[in-house]
Amino acid sequence: MSSKRGMIIVLEGLDRVGKTTQAQKLVQSLRNQGKDTELIRFPDRSTMTGNLINQYLCGQTKLNDHVIHLLFAANRWEKFDQMLEMVKAGVAYTSAKGLDFDWCCSPEKGLIKPDCVLFLTTDINAISKREDFGQEIYDRKEFQKSVYEAYEKLVDKNYWNIIDTTNKTIDDVHDEILKVVHNRLENISKNISYLW
């Protein structure tokens, strides 16, 4: 019996950069290798807080920036026991709106720290041309630029991996992701770490 624990992998990046596509491909590849894998997306719009977040993102309701940030954090806490969540996405998006960076980190304190963050990057102009861009309130080029700058503050070289998707095919990006994940799987610690 293996003494290795499960691994928490988070895909981060701007809206429409390809996180969902790459997450689905990664899950399928790992399952094909016989690894028990689960995909959880955030926000999880199926929960009560997720429903409120969805209404906000679709412009159906207005909320104070502090309130929506806390709802995003609560949405992740709802899935705490499942250990697969995108722990830093909320910090980047809300601090991009001008809220204090440290304040944005505080509701995430104690959440499980990912073993590997795959930060997908690309040209912001390319993102704005993708299908469905502009349907949610964060789908604005200037805001996405601010989010990218906030992500740059979060990058921790110990477990973040920057993957530039510019001018690469979906399969090329997937191959790069698989290399990083396989390396991390070989070197996973037995200990679980927590944020901040």
N, C-alpha and C. Protein backbone atom coordinates (compact mmCIF):
# COMPACT_ATOMS: atom_id res chain seq x y z
N MET A 1 0.83 -1.19 0.00
CA MET A 1 0.00 0.00 0.00
C MET A 1 0.88 1.25 0.00
N SER A 2 0.53 2.21 -0.81
CA SER A 2 1.30 3.45 -0.92
C SER A 2 1.09 4.32 0.30
N SER A 3 2.17 4.94 0.76
CA SER A 3 2.06 5.84 1.91
C SER A 3 1.83 7.28 1.46
N LYS A 4 1.77 7.50 0.16
CA LYS A 4 1.56 8.86 -0.34
C LYS A 4 0.10 9.26 -0.19
N ARG A 5 -0.10 10.50 0.14
CA ARG A 5 -1.45 11.04 0.27
C ARG A 5 -1.90 11.61 -1.07
N GLY A 6 -3.15 12.02 -1.11
CA GLY A 6 -3.66 12.68 -2.31
C GLY A 6 -2.98 14.02 -2.52
N MET A 7 -3.04 14.48 -3.73
CA MET A 7 -2.37 15.72 -4.11
C MET A 7 -3.42 16.76 -4.50
N ILE A 8 -3.21 17.97 -4.05
CA ILE A 8 -4.12 19.07 -4.39
C ILE A 8 -3.46 19.91 -5.48
N ILE A 9 -4.12 19.96 -6.62
CA ILE A 9 -3.62 20.71 -7.78
C ILE A 9 -4.64 21.80 -8.09
N VAL A 10 -4.17 23.01 -8.25
CA VAL A 10 -5.05 24.14 -8.55
C VAL A 10 -4.61 24.75 -9.88
N LEU A 11 -5.56 24.99 -10.75
CA LEU A 11 -5.30 25.74 -11.98
C LEU A 11 -5.79 27.16 -11.78
N GLU A 12 -4.91 28.11 -11.96
CA GLU A 12 -5.22 29.53 -11.80
C GLU A 12 -4.98 30.24 -13.11
N GLY A 13 -5.53 31.42 -13.22
CA GLY A 13 -5.30 32.24 -14.39
C GLY A 13 -6.47 33.18 -14.62
N LEU A 14 -6.32 34.04 -15.59
CA LEU A 14 -7.37 34.98 -15.92
C LEU A 14 -8.57 34.24 -16.49
N ASP A 15 -9.69 34.94 -16.57
CA ASP A 15 -10.88 34.36 -17.17
C ASP A 15 -10.60 34.05 -18.64
N ARG A 16 -11.12 32.92 -19.08
CA ARG A 16 -11.05 32.48 -20.49
C ARG A 16 -9.64 32.09 -20.95
N VAL A 17 -8.74 31.82 -20.00
CA VAL A 17 -7.38 31.43 -20.38
C VAL A 17 -7.29 29.94 -20.72
N GLY A 18 -8.31 29.16 -20.35
CA GLY A 18 -8.31 27.73 -20.66
C GLY A 18 -8.26 26.83 -19.44
N LYS A 19 -8.54 27.37 -18.26
CA LYS A 19 -8.45 26.57 -17.04
C LYS A 19 -9.39 25.36 -17.06
N THR A 20 -10.64 25.57 -17.46
CA THR A 20 -11.61 24.48 -17.47
C THR A 20 -11.19 23.39 -18.44
N THR A 21 -10.80 23.76 -19.64
CA THR A 21 -10.36 22.78 -20.63
C THR A 21 -9.17 21.99 -20.12
N GLN A 22 -8.18 22.68 -19.57
CA GLN A 22 -6.97 22.00 -19.09
C GLN A 22 -7.26 21.15 -17.86
N ALA A 23 -8.14 21.62 -16.98
CA ALA A 23 -8.50 20.83 -15.80
C ALA A 23 -9.18 19.53 -16.21
N GLN A 24 -10.10 19.61 -17.15
CA GLN A 24 -10.79 18.41 -17.63
C GLN A 24 -9.81 17.44 -18.29
N LYS A 25 -8.89 17.96 -19.09
CA LYS A 25 -7.90 17.10 -19.75
C LYS A 25 -6.97 16.45 -18.72
N LEU A 26 -6.57 17.22 -17.71
CA LEU A 26 -5.69 16.69 -16.67
C LEU A 26 -6.39 15.58 -15.89
N VAL A 27 -7.62 15.82 -15.49
CA VAL A 27 -8.39 14.80 -14.76
C VAL A 27 -8.49 13.52 -15.58
N GLN A 28 -8.81 13.65 -16.85
CA GLN A 28 -8.95 12.47 -17.71
C GLN A 28 -7.62 11.73 -17.86
N SER A 29 -6.53 12.47 -18.04
CA SER A 29 -5.21 11.84 -18.17
C SER A 29 -4.83 11.09 -16.89
N LEU A 30 -5.06 11.71 -15.74
CA LEU A 30 -4.73 11.06 -14.48
C LEU A 30 -5.60 9.83 -14.24
N ARG A 31 -6.87 9.93 -14.58
CA ARG A 31 -7.76 8.76 -14.46
C ARG A 31 -7.30 7.64 -15.38
N ASN A 32 -6.88 7.99 -16.59
CA ASN A 32 -6.38 6.98 -17.53
C ASN A 32 -5.13 6.28 -17.00
N GLN A 33 -4.41 6.94 -16.11
CA GLN A 33 -3.22 6.35 -15.49
C GLN A 33 -3.57 5.60 -14.20
N GLY A 34 -4.87 5.49 -13.93
CA GLY A 34 -5.31 4.75 -12.75
C GLY A 34 -5.31 5.55 -11.47
N LYS A 35 -5.22 6.85 -11.57
CA LYS A 35 -5.21 7.69 -10.38
C LYS A 35 -6.63 8.17 -10.08
N ASP A 36 -7.03 8.02 -8.82
CA ASP A 36 -8.34 8.49 -8.39
C ASP A 36 -8.30 10.02 -8.38
N THR A 37 -9.14 10.63 -9.18
CA THR A 37 -9.06 12.07 -9.40
C THR A 37 -10.45 12.68 -9.32
N GLU A 38 -10.54 13.84 -8.70
CA GLU A 38 -11.81 14.55 -8.61
C GLU A 38 -11.58 16.00 -9.04
N LEU A 39 -12.53 16.53 -9.79
CA LEU A 39 -12.48 17.93 -10.23
C LEU A 39 -13.54 18.72 -9.49
N ILE A 40 -13.11 19.79 -8.86
CA ILE A 40 -14.04 20.73 -8.22
C ILE A 40 -13.72 22.10 -8.78
N ARG A 41 -14.77 22.79 -9.23
CA ARG A 41 -14.60 24.13 -9.80
C ARG A 41 -15.10 25.17 -8.81
N PHE A 42 -14.44 26.31 -8.82
CA PHE A 42 -14.88 27.43 -8.00
C PHE A 42 -15.06 28.65 -8.86
N PRO A 43 -16.09 29.44 -8.64
CA PRO A 43 -17.07 29.17 -7.59
C PRO A 43 -17.93 27.97 -7.92
N ASP A 44 -18.34 27.25 -6.87
CA ASP A 44 -19.29 26.15 -7.01
C ASP A 44 -20.67 26.77 -6.92
N ARG A 45 -21.29 26.93 -8.06
CA ARG A 45 -22.55 27.66 -8.14
C ARG A 45 -23.75 26.84 -7.69
N SER A 46 -23.53 25.58 -7.28
CA SER A 46 -24.63 24.72 -6.84
C SER A 46 -24.98 24.91 -5.36
N THR A 47 -24.13 25.58 -4.61
CA THR A 47 -24.39 25.79 -3.18
C THR A 47 -25.15 27.10 -2.98
N MET A 48 -25.60 27.32 -1.74
CA MET A 48 -26.33 28.56 -1.45
C MET A 48 -25.45 29.79 -1.69
N THR A 49 -24.21 29.74 -1.20
CA THR A 49 -23.33 30.89 -1.43
C THR A 49 -22.95 30.98 -2.90
N GLY A 50 -22.78 29.83 -3.54
CA GLY A 50 -22.47 29.81 -4.97
C GLY A 50 -23.56 30.43 -5.81
N ASN A 51 -24.80 30.23 -5.41
CA ASN A 51 -25.94 30.84 -6.11
C ASN A 51 -25.88 32.36 -6.00
N LEU A 52 -25.56 32.86 -4.81
CA LEU A 52 -25.42 34.32 -4.63
C LEU A 52 -24.26 34.86 -5.48
N ILE A 53 -23.16 34.11 -5.51
CA ILE A 53 -22.01 34.52 -6.32
C ILE A 53 -22.40 34.56 -7.79
N ASN A 54 -23.11 33.56 -8.25
CA ASN A 54 -23.54 33.50 -9.65
C ASN A 54 -24.41 34.71 -9.99
N GLN A 55 -25.35 35.05 -9.11
CA GLN A 55 -26.20 36.22 -9.35
C GLN A 55 -25.35 37.49 -9.47
N TYR A 56 -24.35 37.60 -8.62
CA TYR A 56 -23.45 38.75 -8.66
C TYR A 56 -22.65 38.78 -9.96
N LEU A 57 -22.05 37.64 -10.33
CA LEU A 57 -21.21 37.58 -11.53
C LEU A 57 -22.01 37.86 -12.80
N CYS A 58 -23.26 37.46 -12.80
CA CYS A 58 -24.12 37.68 -13.97
C CYS A 58 -24.78 39.05 -13.97
N GLY A 59 -24.44 39.88 -12.97
CA GLY A 59 -24.98 41.23 -12.91
C GLY A 59 -26.42 41.32 -12.44
N GLN A 60 -26.94 40.26 -11.83
CA GLN A 60 -28.32 40.25 -11.37
C GLN A 60 -28.49 40.90 -10.00
N THR A 61 -27.40 41.03 -9.26
CA THR A 61 -27.43 41.67 -7.96
C THR A 61 -26.11 42.40 -7.74
N LYS A 62 -26.15 43.41 -6.93
CA LYS A 62 -24.93 44.16 -6.62
C LYS A 62 -24.57 43.86 -5.16
N LEU A 63 -23.28 43.68 -4.92
CA LEU A 63 -22.79 43.42 -3.57
C LEU A 63 -21.54 44.25 -3.33
N ASN A 64 -21.34 44.64 -2.10
CA ASN A 64 -20.12 45.32 -1.69
C ASN A 64 -18.93 44.39 -1.96
N ASP A 65 -17.80 44.95 -2.37
CA ASP A 65 -16.62 44.14 -2.69
C ASP A 65 -16.18 43.26 -1.53
N HIS A 66 -16.27 43.77 -0.30
CA HIS A 66 -15.90 42.97 0.87
C HIS A 66 -16.84 41.77 1.01
N VAL A 67 -18.12 42.00 0.80
CA VAL A 67 -19.11 40.92 0.93
C VAL A 67 -18.88 39.84 -0.11
N ILE A 68 -18.67 40.21 -1.36
CA ILE A 68 -18.48 39.19 -2.40
C ILE A 68 -17.18 38.43 -2.15
N HIS A 69 -16.16 39.11 -1.67
CA HIS A 69 -14.91 38.39 -1.35
C HIS A 69 -15.16 37.35 -0.27
N LEU A 70 -15.88 37.71 0.77
CA LEU A 70 -16.18 36.77 1.85
C LEU A 70 -17.06 35.62 1.36
N LEU A 71 -17.96 35.90 0.42
CA LEU A 71 -18.78 34.82 -0.16
C LEU A 71 -17.91 33.85 -0.96
N PHE A 72 -16.95 34.37 -1.73
CA PHE A 72 -16.03 33.48 -2.45
C PHE A 72 -15.26 32.60 -1.46
N ALA A 73 -14.78 33.19 -0.37
CA ALA A 73 -14.05 32.40 0.64
C ALA A 73 -14.98 31.38 1.28
N ALA A 74 -16.21 31.78 1.62
CA ALA A 74 -17.18 30.84 2.21
C ALA A 74 -17.47 29.69 1.25
N ASN A 75 -17.53 29.98 -0.03
CA ASN A 75 -17.77 28.95 -1.04
C ASN A 75 -16.65 27.90 -1.02
N ARG A 76 -15.42 28.34 -0.83
CA ARG A 76 -14.30 27.39 -0.74
C ARG A 76 -14.34 26.63 0.58
N TRP A 77 -14.71 27.31 1.67
CA TRP A 77 -14.81 26.63 2.96
C TRP A 77 -15.88 25.54 2.93
N GLU A 78 -16.91 25.73 2.11
CA GLU A 78 -17.95 24.69 1.99
C GLU A 78 -17.36 23.38 1.48
N LYS A 79 -16.28 23.46 0.73
CA LYS A 79 -15.64 22.28 0.14
C LYS A 79 -14.34 21.89 0.86
N PHE A 80 -14.10 22.48 2.01
CA PHE A 80 -12.85 22.26 2.74
C PHE A 80 -12.53 20.77 2.88
N ASP A 81 -13.50 19.98 3.27
CA ASP A 81 -13.26 18.56 3.52
C ASP A 81 -12.88 17.80 2.27
N GLN A 82 -13.19 18.31 1.13
CA GLN A 82 -12.83 17.61 -0.11
C GLN A 82 -11.39 17.91 -0.55
N MET A 83 -10.77 18.91 0.01
CA MET A 83 -9.36 19.23 -0.16
C MET A 83 -8.93 19.66 -1.56
N LEU A 84 -9.86 19.74 -2.48
CA LEU A 84 -9.50 20.19 -3.83
C LEU A 84 -10.18 21.52 -4.07
N GLU A 85 -9.46 22.58 -3.90
CA GLU A 85 -10.08 23.86 -4.16
C GLU A 85 -9.07 24.89 -4.60
N MET A 86 -9.59 25.92 -5.21
CA MET A 86 -8.73 26.96 -5.76
C MET A 86 -8.55 28.05 -4.72
N VAL A 87 -7.60 27.84 -3.83
CA VAL A 87 -7.51 28.63 -2.62
C VAL A 87 -7.11 30.08 -2.83
N LYS A 88 -6.46 30.44 -3.91
CA LYS A 88 -5.97 31.81 -4.04
C LYS A 88 -6.69 32.64 -5.07
N ALA A 89 -7.62 32.07 -5.78
CA ALA A 89 -8.28 32.83 -6.84
C ALA A 89 -8.95 34.08 -6.29
N GLY A 90 -9.65 33.95 -5.18
CA GLY A 90 -10.38 35.08 -4.63
C GLY A 90 -9.48 36.23 -4.24
N VAL A 91 -8.33 35.94 -3.72
CA VAL A 91 -7.40 37.00 -3.31
C VAL A 91 -6.99 37.84 -4.51
N ALA A 92 -6.64 37.21 -5.60
CA ALA A 92 -6.19 37.95 -6.79
C ALA A 92 -7.30 38.83 -7.33
N TYR A 93 -8.51 38.29 -7.45
CA TYR A 93 -9.60 39.05 -8.06
C TYR A 93 -10.04 40.21 -7.17
N THR A 94 -10.17 39.98 -5.87
CA THR A 94 -10.66 41.06 -5.02
C THR A 94 -9.59 42.11 -4.77
N SER A 95 -8.34 41.71 -4.60
CA SER A 95 -7.31 42.73 -4.40
C SER A 95 -7.11 43.55 -5.67
N ALA A 96 -7.44 42.98 -6.82
CA ALA A 96 -7.38 43.74 -8.07
C ALA A 96 -8.39 44.87 -8.08
N LYS A 97 -9.43 44.77 -7.24
CA LYS A 97 -10.43 45.83 -7.14
C LYS A 97 -9.98 46.94 -6.19
N GLY A 98 -8.82 46.76 -5.57
CA GLY A 98 -8.28 47.80 -4.72
C GLY A 98 -8.38 47.51 -3.23
N LEU A 99 -8.94 46.36 -2.83
CA LEU A 99 -9.00 46.03 -1.42
C LEU A 99 -7.60 45.65 -0.93
N ASP A 100 -7.35 45.86 0.34
CA ASP A 100 -6.06 45.56 0.93
C ASP A 100 -5.71 44.08 0.73
N PHE A 101 -4.51 43.83 0.22
CA PHE A 101 -4.07 42.46 -0.10
C PHE A 101 -4.10 41.57 1.14
N ASP A 102 -3.57 42.04 2.26
CA ASP A 102 -3.55 41.23 3.48
C ASP A 102 -4.96 40.94 3.98
N TRP A 103 -5.86 41.91 3.87
CA TRP A 103 -7.24 41.67 4.28
C TRP A 103 -7.85 40.57 3.43
N CYS A 104 -7.55 40.59 2.13
CA CYS A 104 -8.09 39.57 1.22
C CYS A 104 -7.58 38.18 1.57
N CYS A 105 -6.37 38.09 2.10
CA CYS A 105 -5.81 36.78 2.46
C CYS A 105 -6.43 36.23 3.74
N SER A 106 -6.87 37.08 4.65
CA SER A 106 -7.28 36.63 5.97
C SER A 106 -8.43 35.62 6.00
N PRO A 107 -9.49 35.72 5.18
CA PRO A 107 -10.54 34.70 5.26
C PRO A 107 -10.10 33.33 4.74
N GLU A 108 -8.98 33.29 4.00
CA GLU A 108 -8.47 32.03 3.44
C GLU A 108 -7.55 31.31 4.42
N LYS A 109 -7.15 32.00 5.50
CA LYS A 109 -6.21 31.43 6.45
C LYS A 109 -6.77 30.12 7.00
N GLY A 110 -5.95 29.09 6.94
CA GLY A 110 -6.35 27.79 7.45
C GLY A 110 -6.89 26.84 6.39
N LEU A 111 -7.19 27.36 5.20
CA LEU A 111 -7.58 26.45 4.12
C LEU A 111 -6.37 25.63 3.70
N ILE A 112 -6.63 24.50 3.11
CA ILE A 112 -5.55 23.62 2.69
C ILE A 112 -4.75 24.26 1.56
N LYS A 113 -3.44 24.25 1.73
CA LYS A 113 -2.54 24.82 0.73
C LYS A 113 -2.36 23.80 -0.39
N PRO A 114 -2.48 24.24 -1.63
CA PRO A 114 -2.28 23.29 -2.73
C PRO A 114 -0.84 22.79 -2.79
N ASP A 115 -0.68 21.59 -3.30
CA ASP A 115 0.66 21.05 -3.52
C ASP A 115 1.27 21.62 -4.79
N CYS A 116 0.41 22.03 -5.71
CA CYS A 116 0.87 22.51 -7.01
C CYS A 116 -0.16 23.48 -7.56
N VAL A 117 0.28 24.66 -7.92
CA VAL A 117 -0.57 25.62 -8.61
C VAL A 117 -0.02 25.78 -10.02
N LEU A 118 -0.89 25.58 -10.99
CA LEU A 118 -0.55 25.77 -12.39
C LEU A 118 -1.16 27.10 -12.82
N PHE A 119 -0.34 28.11 -12.98
CA PHE A 119 -0.80 29.45 -13.31
C PHE A 119 -0.71 29.63 -14.82
N LEU A 120 -1.86 29.57 -15.48
CA LEU A 120 -1.92 29.69 -16.93
C LEU A 120 -1.96 31.16 -17.32
N THR A 121 -1.05 31.56 -18.19
CA THR A 121 -0.99 32.95 -18.64
C THR A 121 -1.13 33.00 -20.16
N THR A 122 -1.54 34.14 -20.64
CA THR A 122 -1.58 34.40 -22.08
C THR A 122 -1.75 35.90 -22.27
N ASP A 123 -1.78 36.32 -23.49
CA ASP A 123 -1.97 37.72 -23.84
C ASP A 123 -3.41 38.14 -23.51
N ILE A 124 -3.58 39.21 -22.77
CA ILE A 124 -4.92 39.67 -22.37
C ILE A 124 -5.77 40.00 -23.58
N ASN A 125 -5.18 40.52 -24.64
CA ASN A 125 -5.96 40.81 -25.85
C ASN A 125 -6.55 39.55 -26.45
N ALA A 126 -5.82 38.44 -26.37
CA ALA A 126 -6.32 37.17 -26.90
C ALA A 126 -7.51 36.68 -26.08
N ILE A 127 -7.44 36.85 -24.77
CA ILE A 127 -8.54 36.42 -23.90
C ILE A 127 -9.82 37.17 -24.25
N SER A 128 -9.69 38.45 -24.49
CA SER A 128 -10.88 39.28 -24.73
C SER A 128 -11.59 38.91 -26.04
N LYS A 129 -10.91 38.18 -26.91
CA LYS A 129 -11.52 37.77 -28.18
C LYS A 129 -12.17 36.39 -28.10
N ARG A 130 -12.04 35.73 -26.94
CA ARG A 130 -12.58 34.37 -26.81
C ARG A 130 -14.09 34.40 -26.61
N GLU A 131 -14.70 33.29 -26.99
CA GLU A 131 -16.15 33.14 -26.88
C GLU A 131 -16.60 33.40 -25.44
N ASP A 132 -17.71 34.06 -25.30
CA ASP A 132 -18.36 34.36 -24.02
C ASP A 132 -17.66 35.44 -23.19
N PHE A 133 -16.54 36.00 -23.67
CA PHE A 133 -15.89 37.07 -22.91
C PHE A 133 -16.85 38.25 -22.85
N GLY A 134 -17.03 38.80 -21.67
CA GLY A 134 -17.91 39.94 -21.49
C GLY A 134 -19.25 39.58 -20.88
N GLN A 135 -19.51 38.29 -20.67
CA GLN A 135 -20.80 37.88 -20.12
C GLN A 135 -20.87 38.07 -18.60
N GLU A 136 -19.72 38.09 -17.94
CA GLU A 136 -19.71 38.29 -16.50
C GLU A 136 -19.03 39.61 -16.17
N ILE A 137 -19.29 40.10 -14.98
CA ILE A 137 -18.84 41.45 -14.64
C ILE A 137 -17.32 41.60 -14.60
N TYR A 138 -16.59 40.51 -14.39
CA TYR A 138 -15.13 40.59 -14.36
C TYR A 138 -14.52 40.49 -15.75
N ASP A 139 -15.31 40.26 -16.76
CA ASP A 139 -14.81 40.09 -18.13
C ASP A 139 -14.59 41.45 -18.80
N ARG A 140 -13.60 42.18 -18.29
CA ARG A 140 -13.18 43.44 -18.88
C ARG A 140 -11.66 43.43 -18.94
N LYS A 141 -11.10 43.88 -20.05
CA LYS A 141 -9.65 43.81 -20.25
C LYS A 141 -8.87 44.50 -19.14
N GLU A 142 -9.27 45.70 -18.78
CA GLU A 142 -8.52 46.44 -17.76
C GLU A 142 -8.58 45.73 -16.41
N PHE A 143 -9.75 45.17 -16.08
CA PHE A 143 -9.86 44.45 -14.81
C PHE A 143 -9.01 43.18 -14.85
N GLN A 144 -9.02 42.46 -15.95
CA GLN A 144 -8.21 41.25 -16.07
C GLN A 144 -6.72 41.58 -15.94
N LYS A 145 -6.31 42.74 -16.45
CA LYS A 145 -4.92 43.17 -16.29
C LYS A 145 -4.59 43.38 -14.81
N SER A 146 -5.52 43.99 -14.07
CA SER A 146 -5.32 44.18 -12.63
C SER A 146 -5.27 42.85 -11.89
N VAL A 147 -6.10 41.90 -12.32
CA VAL A 147 -6.10 40.57 -11.71
C VAL A 147 -4.74 39.91 -11.94
N TYR A 148 -4.23 40.02 -13.15
CA TYR A 148 -2.92 39.43 -13.45
C TYR A 148 -1.84 40.01 -12.53
N GLU A 149 -1.87 41.32 -12.34
CA GLU A 149 -0.89 41.97 -11.46
C GLU A 149 -1.03 41.46 -10.03
N ALA A 150 -2.27 41.21 -9.58
CA ALA A 150 -2.48 40.67 -8.24
C ALA A 150 -1.96 39.23 -8.15
N TYR A 151 -2.17 38.45 -9.20
CA TYR A 151 -1.63 37.08 -9.22
C TYR A 151 -0.11 37.10 -9.08
N GLU A 152 0.54 38.06 -9.71
CA GLU A 152 2.00 38.14 -9.63
C GLU A 152 2.47 38.26 -8.18
N LYS A 153 1.67 38.89 -7.32
CA LYS A 153 2.02 39.00 -5.90
C LYS A 153 1.88 37.65 -5.18
N LEU A 154 1.00 36.80 -5.69
CA LEU A 154 0.73 35.52 -5.04
C LEU A 154 1.71 34.41 -5.42
N VAL A 155 2.36 34.56 -6.54
CA VAL A 155 3.21 33.48 -7.05
C VAL A 155 4.29 33.13 -6.03
N ASP A 156 4.31 31.88 -5.66
CA ASP A 156 5.31 31.32 -4.76
C ASP A 156 6.05 30.24 -5.55
N LYS A 157 7.28 30.49 -5.88
CA LYS A 157 8.04 29.59 -6.76
C LYS A 157 8.16 28.17 -6.19
N ASN A 158 7.91 28.01 -4.88
CA ASN A 158 8.01 26.69 -4.27
C ASN A 158 6.92 25.74 -4.76
N TYR A 159 5.77 26.29 -5.13
CA TYR A 159 4.71 25.38 -5.57
C TYR A 159 3.86 25.94 -6.71
N TRP A 160 4.15 27.14 -7.17
CA TRP A 160 3.47 27.70 -8.34
C TRP A 160 4.32 27.45 -9.58
N ASN A 161 3.65 27.12 -10.66
CA ASN A 161 4.31 26.88 -11.95
C ASN A 161 3.62 27.74 -12.99
N ILE A 162 4.36 28.64 -13.60
CA ILE A 162 3.79 29.54 -14.61
C ILE A 162 3.86 28.84 -15.97
N ILE A 163 2.71 28.73 -16.61
CA ILE A 163 2.62 28.09 -17.92
C ILE A 163 2.04 29.09 -18.90
N ASP A 164 2.88 29.55 -19.81
CA ASP A 164 2.45 30.51 -20.82
C ASP A 164 1.75 29.75 -21.94
N THR A 165 0.48 30.07 -22.15
CA THR A 165 -0.32 29.37 -23.17
C THR A 165 -0.34 30.11 -24.50
N THR A 166 0.33 31.26 -24.57
CA THR A 166 0.31 32.08 -25.78
C THR A 166 0.81 31.28 -26.98
N ASN A 167 -0.01 31.28 -28.03
CA ASN A 167 0.33 30.62 -29.31
C ASN A 167 0.63 29.13 -29.17
N LYS A 168 0.10 28.48 -28.14
CA LYS A 168 0.27 27.03 -27.98
C LYS A 168 -1.08 26.35 -28.18
N THR A 169 -1.03 25.13 -28.68
CA THR A 169 -2.26 24.37 -28.84
C THR A 169 -2.71 23.85 -27.47
N ILE A 170 -3.96 23.46 -27.40
CA ILE A 170 -4.50 22.88 -26.17
C ILE A 170 -3.66 21.68 -25.75
N ASP A 171 -3.29 20.84 -26.71
CA ASP A 171 -2.50 19.65 -26.40
C ASP A 171 -1.08 19.99 -25.95
N ASP A 172 -0.47 21.02 -26.53
CA ASP A 172 0.86 21.44 -26.10
C ASP A 172 0.84 21.91 -24.64
N VAL A 173 -0.18 22.69 -24.29
CA VAL A 173 -0.33 23.16 -22.91
C VAL A 173 -0.56 21.97 -21.99
N HIS A 174 -1.42 21.05 -22.42
CA HIS A 174 -1.70 19.86 -21.62
C HIS A 174 -0.43 19.05 -21.36
N ASP A 175 0.39 18.86 -22.38
CA ASP A 175 1.65 18.12 -22.21
C ASP A 175 2.56 18.80 -21.18
N GLU A 176 2.62 20.12 -21.24
CA GLU A 176 3.44 20.87 -20.28
C GLU A 176 2.89 20.70 -18.86
N ILE A 177 1.58 20.76 -18.72
CA ILE A 177 0.94 20.57 -17.41
C ILE A 177 1.25 19.17 -16.88
N LEU A 178 1.12 18.16 -17.72
CA LEU A 178 1.38 16.78 -17.29
C LEU A 178 2.81 16.60 -16.78
N LYS A 179 3.77 17.22 -17.44
CA LYS A 179 5.17 17.12 -16.99
C LYS A 179 5.31 17.69 -15.58
N VAL A 180 4.72 18.85 -15.34
CA VAL A 180 4.81 19.48 -14.02
C VAL A 180 4.13 18.60 -12.98
N VAL A 181 2.93 18.12 -13.28
CA VAL A 181 2.17 17.32 -12.32
C VAL A 181 2.89 16.01 -12.00
N HIS A 182 3.43 15.34 -13.00
CA HIS A 182 4.15 14.09 -12.75
C HIS A 182 5.37 14.32 -11.87
N ASN A 183 6.08 15.41 -12.09
CA ASN A 183 7.21 15.75 -11.24
C ASN A 183 6.76 15.99 -9.80
N ARG A 184 5.66 16.72 -9.64
CA ARG A 184 5.14 16.99 -8.29
C ARG A 184 4.64 15.72 -7.61
N LEU A 185 4.01 14.83 -8.37
CA LEU A 185 3.52 13.57 -7.80
C LEU A 185 4.67 12.74 -7.23
N GLU A 186 5.80 12.78 -7.89
CA GLU A 186 6.96 12.02 -7.43
C GLU A 186 7.54 12.58 -6.14
N ASN A 187 7.33 13.85 -5.90
CA ASN A 187 7.98 14.53 -4.78
C ASN A 187 7.01 15.06 -3.73
N ILE A 188 5.82 14.52 -3.67
CA ILE A 188 4.82 15.03 -2.74
C ILE A 188 5.19 14.69 -1.29
N SER A 189 5.01 15.66 -0.43
CA SER A 189 5.27 15.48 1.00
C SER A 189 4.12 14.71 1.64
N LYS A 190 4.41 14.02 2.72
CA LYS A 190 3.35 13.32 3.45
C LYS A 190 2.52 14.31 4.27
N ASN A 191 3.08 15.46 4.56
CA ASN A 191 2.40 16.45 5.40
C ASN A 191 1.49 17.34 4.58
N ILE A 192 0.38 17.71 5.17
CA ILE A 192 -0.55 18.66 4.56
C ILE A 192 -0.23 20.03 5.14
N SER A 193 -0.15 21.02 4.28
CA SER A 193 0.12 22.39 4.72
C SER A 193 -1.15 23.22 4.60
N TYR A 194 -1.16 24.32 5.33
CA TYR A 194 -2.32 25.21 5.33
C TYR A 194 -1.86 26.62 4.97
N LEU A 195 -2.78 27.39 4.42
CA LEU A 195 -2.45 28.74 3.96
C LEU A 195 -2.18 29.69 5.12
N TRP A 196 -1.23 30.51 4.90
CA TRP A 196 -0.87 31.67 5.72
C TRP A 196 -0.85 31.36 7.19
